[in-house]
Amino acid sequence: MTNSMCLLIIGGQVAAKRSEDWIWSGDLHKRVIKSAGPRFTWVNWRLLLARNNRNDSRNRRRIVVAEDGPYVTHGGLPLVQKTQVVSEHGEPLTWMKVATFDVPETYELCRCGQSKFKPLCDATHALVDFDGSETADTGRTAERRQVYRGGTGLCVRRDLSLCMDAGFCGNRITDVEEMVASTEDTEVRSLVMAMIERCPSGSYTYSLDKDGDDIEPDLPRQVAATTEITSEGPINGPLWVTGGVPIERSDGEPFETRNRVTLCRCGHSRIKPLCDGTHRELGEPAAGSGSEAAEQNSGSC
């Protein structure tokens, strides 16, 4: 019976299908999507287990990566939209919050880059056979960092594996690496500190001396869907997770909990689930409040 349908629905999400129709009914959206073929197929069972997990950590704020699926966000973690503020030369200067989303206790964020409801997931990943292979290093960043020597009043470190080329670490004249040697000048030192604190991925860190603890900006515990400003216009940036939110792989292995993390949301990073800047090669135009605010970036007082 090629037109028959057999659906297994758990927690409002389709786990299996048999027919020409895909039906997805989530907490946030309801869609009917056509797809050919009568074959019985299981979809996103790890996501379903994550969503219906009843253990004692269910209400703890954390992000769980679903295998070949979205980011499952627990604990009512706040979700906002932020856009870069850039100079008249296109240099990233800081971040501006432009919107706040009303979210439930548990919700899903798009990881494949093809949802029609970004930053939220609409289950398109199941239709496009998204490969969400998780290859990012889960080890401690302290084991991968290099030290930029010669600084005065601070010690600058960098984990290159986390860099996603956001551009906050430099301008058209110089960059953090070059400025370290001139940090006996307090103005230069202050600029280096500010640039490092705006690095969204946490690739750059600093301490006051070589044996000191990293000094981190006081950031809210939240997820920000970011908009980046390019010469071609505003584009979708990564999901910026701040405030020390725990993140787990789909197999349960945790990443090191850090104050600043950037998660891929274009679906093409080579170090998923982390962002590596590949989204700039794709240049997907940003839509909504982020792009509208970007139009006001070049204003004056």
Protein backbone atom coordinates (compact mmCIF):
# COMPACT_ATOMS: atom_id res chain seq x y z
CA MET A 1 0.00 0.00 0.00
CA THR A 2 2.12 2.85 -1.28
CA ASN A 3 -0.31 5.50 -0.04
CA SER A 4 -0.68 4.13 3.48
CA MET A 5 0.86 5.88 6.45
CA CYS A 6 2.45 4.51 9.59
CA LEU A 7 3.67 7.13 12.05
CA LEU A 8 5.32 6.81 15.44
CA ILE A 9 5.02 10.08 17.32
CA ILE A 10 6.92 10.69 20.57
CA GLY A 11 6.62 13.95 22.41
CA GLY A 12 5.00 15.65 19.41
CA GLN A 13 7.81 14.72 16.99
CA VAL A 14 7.67 12.15 14.20
CA ALA A 15 10.02 9.22 14.83
CA ALA A 16 9.14 7.15 11.76
CA LYS A 17 7.14 7.39 8.56
CA ARG A 18 5.79 5.24 5.81
CA SER A 19 4.05 6.98 2.93
CA GLU A 20 4.53 9.86 0.52
CA ASP A 21 3.96 12.46 3.22
CA TRP A 22 6.20 13.71 5.99
CA ILE A 23 4.31 15.20 8.89
CA TRP A 24 6.13 17.03 11.64
CA SER A 25 4.37 18.44 14.66
CA GLY A 26 6.69 20.23 17.04
CA ASP A 27 6.20 22.49 20.03
CA LEU A 28 6.85 25.63 17.98
CA HIS A 29 5.70 24.93 14.41
CA LYS A 30 3.45 22.58 12.47
CA ARG A 31 4.27 21.72 8.86
CA VAL A 32 3.40 19.17 6.18
CA ILE A 33 6.27 18.41 3.81
CA LYS A 34 6.00 16.20 0.68
CA SER A 35 8.57 13.47 0.16
CA ALA A 36 8.49 10.55 -2.30
CA GLY A 37 8.86 6.89 -1.36
CA PRO A 38 6.95 4.29 0.66
CA ARG A 39 9.94 2.97 2.59
CA PHE A 40 9.85 2.84 6.39
CA THR A 41 12.52 5.11 7.90
CA TRP A 42 13.58 6.03 11.43
CA VAL A 43 14.34 9.70 12.01
CA ASN A 44 16.22 11.51 14.81
CA TRP A 45 15.87 8.90 17.50
CA ARG A 46 18.68 10.50 19.54
CA LEU A 47 16.85 13.82 19.39
CA LEU A 48 13.66 12.16 20.56
CA LEU A 49 15.45 10.52 23.46
CA ALA A 50 17.05 13.83 24.38
CA ARG A 51 13.72 15.65 24.29
CA ASN A 52 11.97 13.02 26.38
CA ASN A 53 14.76 12.39 28.85
CA ARG A 54 13.26 12.45 32.34
CA ASN A 55 16.44 12.31 34.42
CA ASP A 56 17.22 14.76 37.20
CA SER A 57 19.24 17.06 34.92
CA ARG A 58 16.35 17.81 32.55
CA ASN A 59 15.79 21.35 33.81
CA ARG A 60 19.48 22.24 33.98
CA ARG A 61 20.49 24.85 31.43
CA ARG A 62 22.52 23.04 28.80
CA ILE A 63 22.72 22.30 25.07
CA VAL A 64 22.67 18.75 23.69
CA VAL A 65 23.75 18.16 20.09
CA ALA A 66 21.36 15.74 18.36
CA GLU A 67 22.96 13.25 15.99
CA ASP A 68 22.59 14.71 12.48
CA GLY A 69 19.95 16.98 13.97
CA PRO A 70 19.51 20.26 15.84
CA TYR A 71 20.82 21.69 19.09
CA VAL A 72 18.38 20.70 21.84
CA THR A 73 18.38 23.51 24.38
CA HIS A 74 17.22 22.79 27.93
CA GLY A 75 16.39 24.83 31.01
CA GLY A 76 14.71 27.80 29.34
CA LEU A 77 18.04 29.16 28.13
CA PRO A 78 17.43 32.73 26.89
CA LEU A 79 17.64 33.23 23.11
CA VAL A 80 18.46 36.63 21.60
CA GLN A 81 19.52 38.15 18.29
CA LYS A 82 22.78 40.12 18.13
CA THR A 83 24.46 41.97 15.29
CA GLN A 84 27.97 43.23 14.80
CA VAL A 85 28.61 46.96 15.06
CA VAL A 86 31.28 47.88 12.53
CA SER A 87 33.32 50.98 11.69
CA GLU A 88 33.02 52.96 8.48
CA HIS A 89 35.83 50.72 7.22
CA GLY A 90 33.92 47.52 7.99
CA GLU A 91 35.96 46.65 11.10
CA PRO A 92 33.98 44.80 13.80
CA LEU A 93 33.88 46.92 16.97
CA THR A 94 31.31 45.39 19.32
CA TRP A 95 27.96 43.56 19.52
CA MET A 96 24.43 44.98 19.74
CA LYS A 97 21.37 43.04 20.96
CA VAL A 98 18.46 43.69 18.64
CA ALA A 99 15.81 41.13 19.64
CA THR A 100 14.76 38.69 22.36
CA PHE A 101 12.85 35.49 21.58
CA ASP A 102 10.08 34.04 23.72
CA VAL A 103 11.15 30.40 24.17
CA PRO A 104 9.83 27.39 26.11
CA GLU A 105 11.76 25.31 28.65
CA THR A 106 13.11 23.05 25.89
CA TYR A 107 13.51 24.09 22.27
CA GLU A 108 15.56 23.18 19.20
CA LEU A 109 17.93 25.38 17.19
CA CYS A 110 18.74 24.76 13.53
CA ARG A 111 22.09 23.13 12.86
CA CYS A 112 21.75 22.17 9.18
CA GLY A 113 21.35 25.77 7.98
CA GLN A 114 18.19 25.07 5.97
CA SER A 115 15.33 25.71 8.38
CA LYS A 116 12.65 28.12 7.21
CA PHE A 117 12.28 29.34 10.78
CA LYS A 118 15.88 30.19 11.70
CA PRO A 119 17.25 30.21 14.29
CA LEU A 120 14.68 27.55 15.29
CA CYS A 121 14.64 24.05 13.83
CA ASP A 122 11.78 22.92 11.56
CA ALA A 123 13.07 19.34 11.00
CA THR A 124 14.37 20.06 7.48
CA HIS A 125 17.58 18.25 8.48
CA ALA A 126 15.64 14.96 8.24
CA LEU A 127 14.64 15.64 4.64
CA VAL A 128 18.03 16.74 3.33
CA ASP A 129 20.07 13.91 4.89
CA PHE A 130 22.13 16.41 6.87
CA ASP A 131 25.56 15.13 7.85
CA GLY A 132 26.19 16.57 11.29
CA SER A 133 29.35 14.58 12.03
CA GLU A 134 30.87 15.97 15.23
CA THR A 135 34.64 16.32 14.77
CA ALA A 136 35.52 19.18 17.13
CA ASP A 137 38.11 18.46 19.83
CA THR A 138 36.49 17.98 23.23
CA GLY A 139 39.78 18.38 25.10
CA ARG A 140 40.80 21.30 27.30
CA THR A 141 41.69 24.48 25.46
CA ALA A 142 44.62 25.05 27.84
CA GLU A 143 46.35 22.07 26.22
CA ARG A 144 46.12 23.63 22.75
CA ARG A 145 46.94 27.29 23.42
CA GLN A 146 50.03 29.16 22.37
CA VAL A 147 51.39 32.10 24.34
CA TYR A 148 52.24 35.45 22.74
CA ARG A 149 55.31 36.54 24.66
CA GLY A 150 56.60 40.05 25.24
CA GLY A 151 53.49 41.57 26.78
CA THR A 152 53.59 44.07 29.62
CA GLY A 153 50.89 43.86 32.27
CA LEU A 154 49.15 40.94 30.56
CA CYS A 155 49.77 37.51 29.04
CA VAL A 156 47.93 36.77 25.77
CA ARG A 157 47.07 33.21 24.77
CA ARG A 158 45.37 31.78 21.70
CA ASP A 159 43.75 28.48 20.75
CA LEU A 160 43.83 28.60 16.95
CA SER A 161 41.52 25.59 16.66
CA LEU A 162 38.64 27.73 18.02
CA CYS A 163 39.15 30.69 15.67
CA MET A 164 36.26 31.43 13.31
CA ASP A 165 37.68 34.71 11.94
CA ALA A 166 35.07 37.03 13.43
CA GLY A 167 37.52 39.92 12.98
CA PHE A 168 37.40 41.53 16.43
CA CYS A 169 41.11 40.85 17.01
CA GLY A 170 42.31 43.41 14.46
CA ASN A 171 41.65 46.48 12.39
CA ARG A 172 42.93 47.88 9.10
CA ILE A 173 46.18 49.00 10.78
CA THR A 174 47.20 46.28 13.21
CA ASP A 175 46.03 43.27 15.23
CA VAL A 176 46.33 41.73 18.68
CA GLU A 177 49.41 39.66 17.83
CA GLU A 178 51.34 42.74 16.67
CA MET A 179 50.17 44.92 19.56
CA VAL A 180 51.30 42.55 22.34
CA ALA A 181 54.88 43.84 22.14
CA SER A 182 53.65 47.43 22.68
CA THR A 183 51.49 46.81 25.74
CA GLU A 184 53.77 48.85 27.99
CA ASP A 185 51.59 51.65 26.58
CA THR A 186 48.41 51.41 28.66
CA GLU A 187 46.30 52.65 25.77
CA VAL A 188 47.49 49.77 23.61
CA ARG A 189 47.05 47.33 26.51
CA SER A 190 43.48 48.48 27.04
CA LEU A 191 42.70 48.02 23.32
CA VAL A 192 44.16 44.50 23.33
CA MET A 193 42.01 43.56 26.34
CA ALA A 194 38.87 44.96 24.70
CA MET A 195 39.53 43.16 21.41
CA ILE A 196 40.08 39.83 23.17
CA GLU A 197 36.93 40.17 25.27
CA ARG A 198 34.83 40.70 22.12
CA CYS A 199 36.21 37.57 20.43
CA PRO A 200 33.03 35.42 20.33
CA SER A 201 34.71 32.00 20.09
CA GLY A 202 37.10 32.46 23.01
CA SER A 203 40.05 31.70 20.75
CA TYR A 204 41.89 34.62 22.39
CA THR A 205 42.21 34.90 26.17
CA TYR A 206 44.42 36.90 28.51
CA SER A 207 45.59 36.98 32.11
CA LEU A 208 47.53 39.59 34.07
CA ASP A 209 50.62 37.38 34.26
CA LYS A 210 51.81 34.06 32.86
CA ASP A 211 50.67 32.09 35.91
CA GLY A 212 47.38 33.91 36.39
CA ASP A 213 43.86 32.78 35.60
CA ASP A 214 42.16 33.97 32.43
CA ILE A 215 40.18 37.19 32.81
CA GLU A 216 36.84 36.73 31.08
CA PRO A 217 34.12 39.28 30.28
CA ASP A 218 30.99 39.03 32.42
CA LEU A 219 28.56 37.68 29.81
CA PRO A 220 24.94 36.54 30.31
CA ARG A 221 24.09 32.84 30.18
CA GLN A 222 22.28 32.76 26.85
CA VAL A 223 22.38 31.88 23.16
CA ALA A 224 22.64 34.63 20.55
CA ALA A 225 21.82 34.10 16.89
CA THR A 226 24.34 36.46 15.33
CA THR A 227 24.38 38.67 12.27
CA GLU A 228 27.74 39.58 10.74
CA ILE A 229 28.32 42.65 8.61
CA THR A 230 30.23 42.10 5.36
CA SER A 231 30.96 44.22 2.30
CA GLU A 232 28.11 42.38 0.55
CA GLY A 233 25.68 43.08 3.40
CA PRO A 234 24.48 41.36 6.60
CA ILE A 235 24.83 37.56 6.73
CA ASN A 236 23.91 34.89 9.25
CA GLY A 237 26.70 34.25 11.73
CA PRO A 238 27.11 31.44 14.27
CA LEU A 239 25.14 30.75 17.41
CA TRP A 240 27.08 32.50 20.17
CA VAL A 241 26.75 30.67 23.48
CA THR A 242 27.89 32.70 26.50
CA GLY A 243 28.04 32.47 30.26
CA GLY A 244 29.45 28.97 30.71
CA VAL A 245 26.60 26.87 29.29
CA PRO A 246 27.41 23.12 29.27
CA ILE A 247 27.38 21.59 25.78
CA GLU A 248 27.20 17.84 25.11
CA ARG A 249 27.89 15.81 21.99
CA SER A 250 25.17 13.48 20.72
CA ASP A 251 27.02 10.52 22.28
CA GLY A 252 26.93 12.21 25.68
CA GLU A 253 30.57 13.32 25.76
CA PRO A 254 30.79 16.87 27.16
CA PHE A 255 32.78 19.71 25.72
CA GLU A 256 34.84 21.82 28.07
CA THR A 257 32.48 24.39 29.57
CA ARG A 258 33.67 27.84 28.48
CA ASN A 259 32.42 31.41 28.77
CA ARG A 260 32.44 31.99 24.99
CA VAL A 261 31.54 29.34 22.39
CA THR A 262 30.48 29.68 18.75
CA LEU A 263 28.32 26.89 17.30
CA CYS A 264 27.92 26.26 13.57
CA ARG A 265 24.48 26.99 12.16
CA CYS A 266 25.25 26.95 8.42
CA GLY A 267 25.75 23.17 8.44
CA HIS A 268 29.12 23.27 6.66
CA SER A 269 31.76 23.77 9.36
CA ARG A 270 34.65 21.31 9.23
CA ILE A 271 34.75 21.16 13.04
CA LYS A 272 31.08 20.66 13.89
CA PRO A 273 29.41 21.47 16.13
CA LEU A 274 31.81 24.41 16.48
CA CYS A 275 31.94 27.21 13.92
CA ASP A 276 35.03 27.59 11.73
CA GLY A 277 33.92 30.60 9.67
CA THR A 278 32.74 28.61 6.63
CA HIS A 279 29.44 30.51 6.69
CA ARG A 280 31.25 33.53 5.21
CA GLU A 281 32.04 31.54 2.09
CA LEU A 282 28.32 30.83 1.75
CA GLY A 283 27.23 34.38 2.58
CA GLU A 284 23.60 33.60 3.40
CA PRO A 285 21.81 36.97 3.71
CA ALA A 286 20.45 37.67 7.18
CA ALA A 287 16.77 38.38 7.56
CA GLY A 288 14.71 40.06 10.26
CA SER A 289 15.69 42.39 13.05
CA GLY A 290 19.40 41.64 12.79
CA SER A 291 19.63 42.86 9.21
CA GLU A 292 17.41 45.88 9.90
CA ALA A 293 19.64 46.98 12.75
CA ALA A 294 22.69 46.48 10.55
CA GLU A 295 21.39 49.13 8.19
CA GLN A 296 21.74 51.64 11.04
CA ASN A 297 25.33 50.66 11.85
CA SER A 298 26.90 53.46 9.85
CA GLY A 299 24.95 56.29 11.43
CA SER A 300 26.36 59.29 13.27
CA CYS A 301 25.41 61.46 16.21
